[in-house]
Structure formats: structure tokens, C-alpha cells
């Protein structure tokens, strides 16, 4: 699969290493109790993890309902439960560091592969998390740089980020409930993998 995708690894390679101190963390407060943390370069050696996941992951393509039709989702995905084991030790380490820092056990890891600029995801909030008062979703970007945008639920002015390889972005507070996020289509882009970390969600009672 990797040979069919446009991607140029960085000249600055190196061993995989997680910044457990979260150095350089910057928080952006949004409206209605939502916030976003950004940690540039949180994962060193990100290009190595990109290459391994691209090569070894059993990528699948889900179907989504759009305009009264069922269509292939324009990206590839895979999900793991931390308890069942993860394909790379560094994924365990990232989950552990996030759990320690945010005081919430991250139990699920997912990966989304955006093969080129035509792959995307529309405005949305996480399906279960958007029903909760607060939730955490951590994203680590690998490979090409793609715009990541957020807007208030129901529309309004959006804010944008351009996370690079190894950058960590965490959405917290009411973000999944009061805001939506997307990765829009672009004219051209190198392949990108977004690795997501989620905690177990307790569904609200009746």
C-alpha cells in the first residue's frame, strides 16, 4: 500500500520517543467550556511509526449514510482496545502518558488513514462523547500535514490547526458536545495517519 501513496519521510529520523513532560503544551480555550491542547513534537521519530502503521495495519473502509445513500467513507480506519494489545509498544506508552497527564485512563486507540487530498471527514462530534458533559480525545498526527478545523455545533466561525508529524492535539471539556471537528478535502496532500486515543465513556442515564 505504501508505494501507492505520496509521502516523503523527514530527513530528521531517530528513535521513537514520547515527551512525557508535555513540554511546549499550549491550551486554546474555546466557547462553552471547550478547549484544545496542542503539544508540538510530542512524539519524536514520528515518521518511523507512520511507516510501520501504514505497512502493517489491516486497514478497512467503513460505510456512511449521506443524502439517503450509503457510501464508502473517504478514508481508511482501524481500531484497537488497549487491553487486547497494540501493534507497537510506543502506542502503549502514548496511552499511558496521556492517562497520567489527564487523569483519565485511555482504553481505545484508533487510526485513520487519509491517502490523499480527496480523503476527508465531515463535521462531527464523537458519537457517544457528544452526549456527555465533558470528554477527552487525543490525536497524534503522522505523515503529511492536513488542516484540522473546529466550529461551534450548528455552525459558526471555525478555528483551524495544522498539526505536523508527531504533534499531539487533545480536545477536552465540552468540545465533543458543543463543537464539531473535520478534516476537509484539499487539492493535493501527502498521506496522513491520525492516531486517536479515547477513554471509556459512561453513557448518561435516562
Protein backbone atom coordinates (compact mmCIF):
# COMPACT_ATOMS: atom_id res chain seq x y z
CA UNK A 1 0.00 0.00 0.00
CA UNK A 2 2.74 2.43 0.92
CA UNK A 3 4.21 2.51 -2.59
CA UNK A 4 0.91 3.83 -3.94
CA UNK A 5 0.79 6.82 -1.61
CA UNK A 6 2.53 10.16 -1.80
CA UNK A 7 4.69 10.66 1.27
CA UNK A 8 8.25 11.83 1.84
CA UNK A 9 9.82 10.92 5.19
CA UNK A 10 11.65 13.61 7.11
CA UNK A 11 15.43 13.84 6.95
CA UNK A 12 15.33 14.06 10.75
CA UNK A 13 14.70 10.46 11.73
CA UNK A 14 15.53 8.89 15.05
CA UNK A 15 14.17 6.52 17.65
CA UNK A 16 10.57 6.68 18.77
CA UNK A 17 10.31 8.75 21.95
CA UNK A 18 7.32 10.24 23.76
CA UNK A 19 7.62 13.59 25.54
CA UNK A 20 6.26 12.57 28.94
CA UNK A 21 6.75 16.11 30.24
CA UNK A 22 4.38 17.59 27.62
CA UNK A 23 6.87 20.40 27.01
CA UNK A 24 5.57 23.30 24.98
CA UNK A 25 1.90 22.49 25.70
CA UNK A 26 -0.39 25.34 24.72
CA UNK A 27 -4.10 25.42 25.54
CA UNK A 28 -6.64 27.25 23.45
CA UNK A 29 -9.89 27.98 25.25
CA UNK A 30 -12.99 27.78 23.09
CA UNK A 31 -16.55 28.83 23.89
CA UNK A 32 -18.98 26.91 26.14
CA UNK A 33 -16.37 25.12 28.21
CA UNK A 34 -14.48 23.52 25.31
CA UNK A 35 -10.69 23.62 24.94
CA UNK A 36 -7.88 22.25 22.77
CA UNK A 37 -4.33 21.41 23.92
CA UNK A 38 -1.51 21.32 21.36
CA UNK A 39 1.94 19.85 22.04
CA UNK A 40 4.29 20.24 19.03
CA UNK A 41 6.67 17.33 18.50
CA UNK A 42 5.20 15.24 21.31
CA UNK A 43 6.26 12.04 19.52
CA UNK A 44 9.82 12.01 18.19
CA UNK A 45 10.60 9.62 15.35
CA UNK A 46 7.02 10.01 14.09
CA UNK A 47 7.96 9.06 10.52
CA UNK A 48 9.04 5.62 11.69
CA UNK A 49 5.67 4.97 13.33
CA UNK A 50 3.90 6.25 10.22
CA UNK A 51 5.79 3.76 8.03
CA UNK A 52 5.08 0.84 10.37
CA UNK A 53 1.38 1.55 10.73
CA UNK A 54 0.96 2.18 7.02
CA UNK A 55 2.60 -1.14 6.22
CA UNK A 56 1.24 -3.39 8.96
CA UNK A 57 -2.28 -2.17 9.78
CA UNK A 58 -5.27 -4.12 8.45
CA UNK A 59 -6.95 -1.02 7.08
CA UNK A 60 -10.68 -1.16 6.42
CA UNK A 61 -13.22 1.18 4.87
CA UNK A 62 -16.48 1.84 6.66
CA UNK A 63 -19.71 2.92 5.02
CA UNK A 64 -21.52 6.12 5.93
CA UNK A 65 -25.05 7.32 5.30
CA UNK A 66 -25.13 10.52 3.24
CA UNK A 67 -28.02 12.12 1.39
CA UNK A 68 -30.18 8.99 1.69
CA UNK A 69 -27.40 6.85 0.23
CA UNK A 70 -24.83 4.51 1.77
CA UNK A 71 -21.36 5.40 0.53
CA UNK A 72 -17.78 4.33 1.31
CA UNK A 73 -16.22 6.64 3.86
CA UNK A 74 -13.44 8.66 2.15
CA UNK A 75 -10.65 7.39 4.45
CA UNK A 76 -9.42 4.06 5.84
CA UNK A 77 -9.63 3.12 9.52
CA UNK A 78 -8.67 0.58 12.17
CA UNK A 79 -9.39 0.29 15.90
CA UNK A 80 -7.70 -1.47 18.83
CA UNK A 81 -8.59 -1.98 22.51
CA UNK A 82 -5.58 -1.35 24.73
CA UNK A 83 -6.49 -4.40 26.84
CA UNK A 84 -6.29 -6.65 23.78
CA UNK A 85 -2.79 -5.47 22.88
CA UNK A 86 -1.47 -2.85 20.48
CA UNK A 87 0.75 -3.45 17.43
CA UNK A 88 3.51 -1.06 18.55
CA UNK A 89 4.94 -0.60 22.08
CA UNK A 90 5.03 3.16 21.59
CA UNK A 91 1.23 3.20 21.28
CA UNK A 92 1.03 1.72 24.79
CA UNK A 93 3.45 4.36 26.03
CA UNK A 94 1.47 7.18 24.47
CA UNK A 95 -1.75 5.89 26.05
CA UNK A 96 -0.04 5.63 29.44
CA UNK A 97 1.43 9.13 29.26
CA UNK A 98 -1.92 10.63 28.28
CA UNK A 99 -3.64 8.75 31.10
CA UNK A 100 -1.12 10.03 33.64
CA UNK A 101 -1.25 13.62 32.43
CA UNK A 102 -5.02 13.98 32.12
CA UNK A 103 -6.06 11.68 34.98
CA UNK A 104 -8.27 9.58 32.71
CA UNK A 105 -7.48 6.05 31.55
CA UNK A 106 -7.29 5.88 27.75
CA UNK A 107 -8.51 2.44 26.74
CA UNK A 108 -9.06 2.66 22.99
CA UNK A 109 -6.71 3.50 20.13
CA UNK A 110 -7.79 4.14 16.57
CA UNK A 111 -6.06 5.12 13.35
CA UNK A 112 -7.42 6.96 10.32
CA UNK A 113 -5.53 6.94 7.03
CA UNK A 114 -6.05 9.89 4.68
CA UNK A 115 -4.48 8.60 1.47
CA UNK A 116 -4.51 11.91 -0.42
CA UNK A 117 -6.28 15.27 -0.53
CA UNK A 118 -9.57 13.66 -1.61
CA UNK A 119 -9.84 11.72 1.65
CA UNK A 120 -11.60 13.66 4.39
CA UNK A 121 -14.07 13.57 7.27
CA UNK A 122 -17.09 15.85 7.53
CA UNK A 123 -18.10 17.99 10.51
CA UNK A 124 -18.94 15.81 13.51
CA UNK A 125 -18.52 15.17 17.24
CA UNK A 126 -17.69 11.74 18.61
CA UNK A 127 -20.93 9.76 18.63
CA UNK A 128 -21.06 8.80 22.33
CA UNK A 129 -18.85 11.57 23.73
CA UNK A 130 -21.08 14.29 22.31
CA UNK A 131 -23.79 13.21 24.77
CA UNK A 132 -21.53 13.75 27.79
CA UNK A 133 -20.82 16.94 29.77
CA UNK A 134 -17.09 16.51 29.10
CA UNK A 135 -14.77 14.07 27.34
CA UNK A 136 -11.17 13.79 26.14
CA UNK A 137 -9.97 12.78 22.68
CA UNK A 138 -6.23 12.80 21.90
CA UNK A 139 -4.95 12.91 18.32
CA UNK A 140 -1.36 12.35 17.17
CA UNK A 141 -0.58 13.28 13.55
CA UNK A 142 1.78 11.25 11.39
CA UNK A 143 2.88 11.79 7.79
CA UNK A 144 1.57 14.68 5.71
CA UNK A 145 0.15 17.90 7.14
CA UNK A 146 -3.60 18.43 6.79
CA UNK A 147 -5.86 21.19 8.11
CA UNK A 148 -7.83 20.23 11.22
CA UNK A 149 -10.80 22.50 11.87
CA UNK A 150 -13.32 23.06 14.65
CA UNK A 151 -16.54 25.06 14.69
CA UNK A 152 -19.40 25.56 17.15
CA UNK A 153 -22.08 22.88 16.93
CA UNK A 154 -24.70 24.02 14.45
CA UNK A 155 -22.36 26.33 12.57
CA UNK A 156 -20.38 29.50 13.07
CA UNK A 157 -16.84 30.75 12.63
CA UNK A 158 -14.29 27.94 12.66
CA UNK A 159 -10.79 27.74 14.10
CA UNK A 160 -8.01 25.80 12.42
CA UNK A 161 -4.83 23.91 13.27
CA UNK A 162 -2.10 22.45 11.09
CA UNK A 163 -0.66 19.61 13.21
CA UNK A 164 2.62 18.27 11.85
CA UNK A 165 4.27 14.86 12.26
CA UNK A 166 4.39 13.89 15.93
CA UNK A 167 2.21 16.77 17.13
CA UNK A 168 -0.39 15.99 19.80
CA UNK A 169 -3.80 17.66 19.79
CA UNK A 170 -6.23 16.97 22.63
CA UNK A 171 -9.86 18.06 22.56
CA UNK A 172 -11.33 18.40 26.04
CA UNK A 173 -14.08 19.83 28.17
CA UNK A 174 -17.35 20.11 26.27
CA UNK A 175 -15.61 20.01 22.88
CA UNK A 176 -17.36 16.88 21.57
CA UNK A 177 -20.76 18.16 22.70
CA UNK A 178 -20.63 21.86 21.83
CA UNK A 179 -18.17 21.86 18.92
CA UNK A 180 -17.63 19.82 15.77
CA UNK A 181 -14.37 18.96 14.01
CA UNK A 182 -13.40 18.00 10.47
CA UNK A 183 -10.53 17.24 8.12
CA UNK A 184 -11.63 18.93 4.87
CA UNK A 185 -10.68 17.90 1.37
CA UNK A 186 -7.72 19.73 -0.19
CA UNK A 187 -6.40 19.94 -3.71
CA UNK A 188 -3.31 17.84 -3.03
CA UNK A 189 -1.77 16.30 0.09
CA UNK A 190 0.65 13.62 1.15
CA UNK A 191 -0.71 10.61 3.00
CA UNK A 192 -1.51 11.22 6.68
CA UNK A 193 -2.37 8.96 9.61
CA UNK A 194 -4.25 10.30 12.62
CA UNK A 195 -3.87 8.15 15.74
CA UNK A 196 -6.68 8.70 18.26
CA UNK A 197 -6.77 7.91 21.97
CA UNK A 198 -10.11 7.65 23.77
CA UNK A 199 -11.23 6.73 27.26
CA UNK A 200 -14.21 4.58 28.17
CA UNK A 201 -17.41 6.61 28.08
CA UNK A 202 -20.14 6.14 30.64
CA UNK A 203 -23.40 6.77 28.84
CA UNK A 204 -25.65 9.25 30.61
CA UNK A 205 -28.66 7.77 32.34
CA UNK A 206 -32.29 8.30 31.32
